[in-house]
Amino acid sequence: MAVPKRKLSRSNTRARRSQWKAQVPELVTVVVDGRELTLPRRLVAGVRRGYVTLPE
């Protein structure tokens, strides 16, 4: 595991952390059981196989 050689200042720590940003999920329109849904692409296969329950 990587261990820093010296303490990082508070301003440098916060600047480093601020670079992480959430990404907007890529939405796909899919027809499942006769309903047209807009889902994130990574959930499409699970919904089609019945692993993921959908809200009504």
PDB file of N, CA and C in Angstrom:
ATOM      1  N   MET A   1       0.843  -1.169   0.000  1.00  0.00           N
ATOM      2  CA  MET A   1       0.000   0.000   0.000  1.00  0.00           C
ATOM      3  C   MET A   1       0.894   1.240   0.000  1.00  0.00           C
ATOM      4  N   ALA A   2       0.522   2.233  -0.808  1.00  0.00           N
ATOM      5  CA  ALA A   2       1.323   3.446  -0.900  1.00  0.00           C
ATOM      6  C   ALA A   2       1.167   4.294   0.359  1.00  0.00           C
ATOM      7  N   VAL A   3       2.288   4.748   0.897  1.00  0.00           N
ATOM      8  CA  VAL A   3       2.274   5.583   2.099  1.00  0.00           C
ATOM      9  C   VAL A   3       3.008   6.880   1.768  1.00  0.00           C
ATOM     10  N   PRO A   4       2.387   8.038   2.054  1.00  0.00           N
ATOM     11  CA  PRO A   4       3.080   9.295   1.749  1.00  0.00           C
ATOM     12  C   PRO A   4       4.317   9.482   2.626  1.00  0.00           C
ATOM     13  N   LYS A   5       5.359  10.088   2.070  1.00  0.00           N
ATOM     14  CA  LYS A   5       6.590  10.296   2.833  1.00  0.00           C
ATOM     15  C   LYS A   5       6.446  11.426   3.840  1.00  0.00           C
ATOM     16  N   ARG A   6       5.538  12.350   3.589  1.00  0.00           N
ATOM     17  CA  ARG A   6       5.343  13.452   4.530  1.00  0.00           C
ATOM     18  C   ARG A   6       3.884  13.881   4.527  1.00  0.00           C
ATOM     19  N   LYS A   7       3.512  14.642   5.534  1.00  0.00           N
ATOM     20  CA  LYS A   7       2.134  15.086   5.688  1.00  0.00           C
ATOM     21  C   LYS A   7       1.774  16.076   4.578  1.00  0.00           C
ATOM     22  N   LEU A   8       0.576  15.929   4.057  1.00  0.00           N
ATOM     23  CA  LEU A   8       0.070  16.828   3.029  1.00  0.00           C
ATOM     24  C   LEU A   8      -0.685  17.967   3.703  1.00  0.00           C
ATOM     25  N   SER A   9      -0.467  19.158   3.254  1.00  0.00           N
ATOM     26  CA  SER A   9      -1.151  20.296   3.876  1.00  0.00           C
ATOM     27  C   SER A   9      -2.655  20.214   3.623  1.00  0.00           C
ATOM     28  N   ARG A  10      -3.406  20.901   4.433  1.00  0.00           N
ATOM     29  CA  ARG A  10      -4.870  20.876   4.321  1.00  0.00           C
ATOM     30  C   ARG A  10      -5.331  21.427   2.967  1.00  0.00           C
ATOM     31  N   SER A  11      -4.710  22.501   2.503  1.00  0.00           N
ATOM     32  CA  SER A  11      -5.116  23.086   1.223  1.00  0.00           C
ATOM     33  C   SER A  11      -4.805  22.136   0.063  1.00  0.00           C
ATOM     34  N   ASN A  12      -3.664  21.456   0.131  1.00  0.00           N
ATOM     35  CA  ASN A  12      -3.332  20.499  -0.932  1.00  0.00           C
ATOM     36  C   ASN A  12      -4.264  19.290  -0.900  1.00  0.00           C
ATOM     37  N   THR A  13      -4.642  18.841   0.285  1.00  0.00           N
ATOM     38  CA  THR A  13      -5.547  17.708   0.405  1.00  0.00           C
ATOM     39  C   THR A  13      -6.900  18.045  -0.209  1.00  0.00           C
ATOM     40  N   ARG A  14      -7.408  19.211   0.116  1.00  0.00           N
ATOM     41  CA  ARG A  14      -8.720  19.602  -0.404  1.00  0.00           C
ATOM     42  C   ARG A  14      -8.684  19.842  -1.901  1.00  0.00           C
ATOM     43  N   ALA A  15      -7.593  20.381  -2.405  1.00  0.00           N
ATOM     44  CA  ALA A  15      -7.469  20.607  -3.846  1.00  0.00           C
ATOM     45  C   ALA A  15      -7.430  19.271  -4.591  1.00  0.00           C
ATOM     46  N   ARG A  16      -6.746  18.289  -4.009  1.00  0.00           N
ATOM     47  CA  ARG A  16      -6.671  16.969  -4.644  1.00  0.00           C
ATOM     48  C   ARG A  16      -8.041  16.311  -4.669  1.00  0.00           C
ATOM     49  N   ARG A  17      -8.751  16.394  -3.538  1.00  0.00           N
ATOM     50  CA  ARG A  17     -10.064  15.760  -3.454  1.00  0.00           C
ATOM     51  C   ARG A  17     -11.082  16.416  -4.362  1.00  0.00           C
ATOM     52  N   SER A  18     -10.915  17.695  -4.631  1.00  0.00           N
ATOM     53  CA  SER A  18     -11.910  18.420  -5.420  1.00  0.00           C
ATOM     54  C   SER A  18     -11.907  18.002  -6.891  1.00  0.00           C
ATOM     55  N   GLN A  19     -10.904  17.246  -7.304  1.00  0.00           N
ATOM     56  CA  GLN A  19     -10.836  16.838  -8.708  1.00  0.00           C
ATOM     57  C   GLN A  19     -11.772  15.681  -9.037  1.00  0.00           C
ATOM     58  N   TRP A  20     -12.285  14.986  -8.000  1.00  0.00           N
ATOM     59  CA  TRP A  20     -13.199  13.877  -8.235  1.00  0.00           C
ATOM     60  C   TRP A  20     -14.583  14.428  -8.508  1.00  0.00           C
ATOM     61  N   LYS A  21     -15.192  14.012  -9.605  1.00  0.00           N
ATOM     62  CA  LYS A  21     -16.512  14.504  -9.962  1.00  0.00           C
ATOM     63  C   LYS A  21     -17.412  13.321 -10.326  1.00  0.00           C
ATOM     64  N   ALA A  22     -18.662  13.430  -9.954  1.00  0.00           N
ATOM     65  CA  ALA A  22     -19.625  12.390 -10.319  1.00  0.00           C
ATOM     66  C   ALA A  22     -19.933  12.514 -11.806  1.00  0.00           C
ATOM     67  N   GLN A  23     -20.169  11.377 -12.446  1.00  0.00           N
ATOM     68  CA  GLN A  23     -20.501  11.378 -13.865  1.00  0.00           C
ATOM     69  C   GLN A  23     -21.984  11.113 -14.040  1.00  0.00           C
ATOM     70  N   VAL A  24     -22.587  11.787 -15.001  1.00  0.00           N
ATOM     71  CA  VAL A  24     -23.995  11.581 -15.300  1.00  0.00           C
ATOM     72  C   VAL A  24     -24.128  10.236 -15.997  1.00  0.00           C
ATOM     73  N   PRO A  25     -25.037   9.348 -15.520  1.00  0.00           N
ATOM     74  CA  PRO A  25     -25.175   8.042 -16.170  1.00  0.00           C
ATOM     75  C   PRO A  25     -25.736   8.188 -17.585  1.00  0.00           C
ATOM     76  N   GLU A  26     -25.226   7.366 -18.483  1.00  0.00           N
ATOM     77  CA  GLU A  26     -25.696   7.371 -19.860  1.00  0.00           C
ATOM     78  C   GLU A  26     -27.030   6.632 -19.909  1.00  0.00           C
ATOM     79  N   LEU A  27     -28.102   7.346 -20.251  1.00  0.00           N
ATOM     80  CA  LEU A  27     -29.440   6.760 -20.234  1.00  0.00           C
ATOM     81  C   LEU A  27     -29.808   6.202 -21.599  1.00  0.00           C
ATOM     82  N   VAL A  28     -30.488   5.056 -21.585  1.00  0.00           N
ATOM     83  CA  VAL A  28     -30.892   4.361 -22.798  1.00  0.00           C
ATOM     84  C   VAL A  28     -32.386   4.073 -22.697  1.00  0.00           C
ATOM     85  N   THR A  29     -33.110   4.257 -23.797  1.00  0.00           N
ATOM     86  CA  THR A  29     -34.528   3.921 -23.835  1.00  0.00           C
ATOM     87  C   THR A  29     -34.678   2.460 -24.240  1.00  0.00           C
ATOM     88  N   VAL A  30     -35.386   1.676 -23.394  1.00  0.00           N
ATOM     89  CA  VAL A  30     -35.529   0.236 -23.593  1.00  0.00           C
ATOM     90  C   VAL A  30     -36.986  -0.142 -23.395  1.00  0.00           C
ATOM     91  N   VAL A  31     -37.468  -1.122 -24.160  1.00  0.00           N
ATOM     92  CA  VAL A  31     -38.816  -1.646 -23.987  1.00  0.00           C
ATOM     93  C   VAL A  31     -38.711  -2.967 -23.225  1.00  0.00           C
ATOM     94  N   VAL A  32     -39.290  -2.997 -22.014  1.00  0.00           N
ATOM     95  CA  VAL A  32     -39.262  -4.194 -21.177  1.00  0.00           C
ATOM     96  C   VAL A  32     -40.693  -4.490 -20.763  1.00  0.00           C
ATOM     97  N   ASP A  33     -41.165  -5.694 -21.057  1.00  0.00           N
ATOM     98  CA  ASP A  33     -42.535  -6.112 -20.733  1.00  0.00           C
ATOM     99  C   ASP A  33     -43.575  -5.144 -21.285  1.00  0.00           C
ATOM    100  N   GLY A  34     -43.333  -4.628 -22.482  1.00  0.00           N
ATOM    101  CA  GLY A  34     -44.299  -3.722 -23.119  1.00  0.00           C
ATOM    102  C   GLY A  34     -44.249  -2.298 -22.602  1.00  0.00           C
ATOM    103  N   ARG A  35     -43.346  -2.004 -21.674  1.00  0.00           N
ATOM    104  CA  ARG A  35     -43.212  -0.641 -21.138  1.00  0.00           C
ATOM    105  C   ARG A  35     -41.921  -0.027 -21.666  1.00  0.00           C
ATOM    106  N   GLU A  36     -41.994   1.235 -22.055  1.00  0.00           N
ATOM    107  CA  GLU A  36     -40.805   1.933 -22.523  1.00  0.00           C
ATOM    108  C   GLU A  36     -40.170   2.647 -21.335  1.00  0.00           C
ATOM    109  N   LEU A  37     -38.917   2.302 -21.026  1.00  0.00           N
ATOM    110  CA  LEU A  37     -38.227   2.831 -19.862  1.00  0.00           C
ATOM    111  C   LEU A  37     -36.932   3.511 -20.278  1.00  0.00           C
ATOM    112  N   THR A  38     -36.514   4.480 -19.483  1.00  0.00           N
ATOM    113  CA  THR A  38     -35.215   5.110 -19.662  1.00  0.00           C
ATOM    114  C   THR A  38     -34.344   4.684 -18.486  1.00  0.00           C
ATOM    115  N   LEU A  39     -33.304   3.905 -18.781  1.00  0.00           N
ATOM    116  CA  LEU A  39     -32.455   3.317 -17.745  1.00  0.00           C
ATOM    117  C   LEU A  39     -30.993   3.633 -18.014  1.00  0.00           C
ATOM    118  N   PRO A  40     -30.156   3.589 -16.959  1.00  0.00           N
ATOM    119  CA  PRO A  40     -28.715   3.641 -17.195  1.00  0.00           C
ATOM    120  C   PRO A  40     -28.274   2.400 -17.978  1.00  0.00           C
ATOM    121  N   ARG A  41     -27.320   2.580 -18.846  1.00  0.00           N
ATOM    122  CA  ARG A  41     -26.895   1.496 -19.737  1.00  0.00           C
ATOM    123  C   ARG A  41     -26.432   0.257 -18.963  1.00  0.00           C
ATOM    124  N   ARG A  42     -25.798   0.443 -17.815  1.00  0.00           N
ATOM    125  CA  ARG A  42     -25.269  -0.711 -17.077  1.00  0.00           C
ATOM    126  C   ARG A  42     -26.348  -1.543 -16.420  1.00  0.00           C
ATOM    127  N   LEU A  43     -27.601  -1.044 -16.335  1.00  0.00           N
ATOM    128  CA  LEU A  43     -28.687  -1.804 -15.725  1.00  0.00           C
ATOM    129  C   LEU A  43     -29.556  -2.545 -16.738  1.00  0.00           C
ATOM    130  N   VAL A  44     -29.385  -2.274 -18.017  1.00  0.00           N
ATOM    131  CA  VAL A  44     -30.268  -2.833 -19.043  1.00  0.00           C
ATOM    132  C   VAL A  44     -30.271  -4.357 -19.026  1.00  0.00           C
ATOM    133  N   ALA A  45     -29.103  -4.979 -19.001  1.00  0.00           N
ATOM    134  CA  ALA A  45     -29.033  -6.444 -19.031  1.00  0.00           C
ATOM    135  C   ALA A  45     -29.677  -7.046 -17.790  1.00  0.00           C
ATOM    136  N   GLY A  46     -29.448  -6.453 -16.629  1.00  0.00           N
ATOM    137  CA  GLY A  46     -30.042  -6.958 -15.394  1.00  0.00           C
ATOM    138  C   GLY A  46     -31.544  -6.846 -15.376  1.00  0.00           C
ATOM    139  N   VAL A  47     -32.083  -5.776 -15.934  1.00  0.00           N
ATOM    140  CA  VAL A  47     -33.541  -5.601 -15.995  1.00  0.00           C
ATOM    141  C   VAL A  47     -34.156  -6.618 -16.944  1.00  0.00           C
ATOM    142  N   ARG A  48     -33.522  -6.827 -18.083  1.00  0.00           N
ATOM    143  CA  ARG A  48     -34.050  -7.792 -19.058  1.00  0.00           C
ATOM    144  C   ARG A  48     -34.060  -9.210 -18.498  1.00  0.00           C
ATOM    145  N   ARG A  49     -33.070  -9.562 -17.674  1.00  0.00           N
ATOM    146  CA  ARG A  49     -33.003 -10.901 -17.094  1.00  0.00           C
ATOM    147  C   ARG A  49     -33.845 -11.048 -15.824  1.00  0.00           C
ATOM    148  N   GLY A  50     -34.355  -9.928 -15.304  1.00  0.00           N
ATOM    149  CA  GLY A  50     -35.192  -9.981 -14.133  1.00  0.00           C
ATOM    150  C   GLY A  50     -34.435  -9.879 -12.817  1.00  0.00           C
ATOM    151  N   TYR A  51     -33.173  -9.534 -12.855  1.00  0.00           N
ATOM    152  CA  TYR A  51     -32.375  -9.414 -11.633  1.00  0.00           C
ATOM    153  C   TYR A  51     -32.682  -8.126 -10.887  1.00  0.00           C
ATOM    154  N   VAL A  52     -33.127  -7.093 -11.600  1.00  0.00           N
ATOM    155  CA  VAL A  52     -33.383  -5.772 -11.023  1.00  0.00           C
ATOM    156  C   VAL A  52     -34.886  -5.537 -11.064  1.00  0.00           C
ATOM    157  N   THR A  53     -35.473  -5.190  -9.916  1.00  0.00           N
ATOM    158  CA  THR A  53     -36.908  -4.879  -9.890  1.00  0.00           C
ATOM    159  C   THR A  53     -37.105  -3.418 -10.233  1.00  0.00           C
ATOM    160  N   LEU A  54     -38.150  -3.142 -10.967  1.00  0.00           N
ATOM    161  CA  LEU A  54     -38.431  -1.785 -11.416  1.00  0.00           C
ATOM    162  C   LEU A  54     -39.551  -1.160 -10.612  1.00  0.00           C
ATOM    163  N   PRO A  55     -39.492   0.143 -10.379  1.00  0.00           N
ATOM    164  CA  PRO A  55     -40.606   0.808  -9.705  1.00  0.00           C
ATOM    165  C   PRO A  55     -41.828   0.863 -10.625  1.00  0.00           C
ATOM    166  N   GLU A  56     -42.976   0.834 -10.050  1.00  0.00           N
ATOM    167  CA  GLU A  56     -44.217   0.826 -10.858  1.00  0.00           C
ATOM    168  C   GLU A  56     -44.577   2.195 -11.348  1.00  0.00           C
TER     169      GLU A  56
END
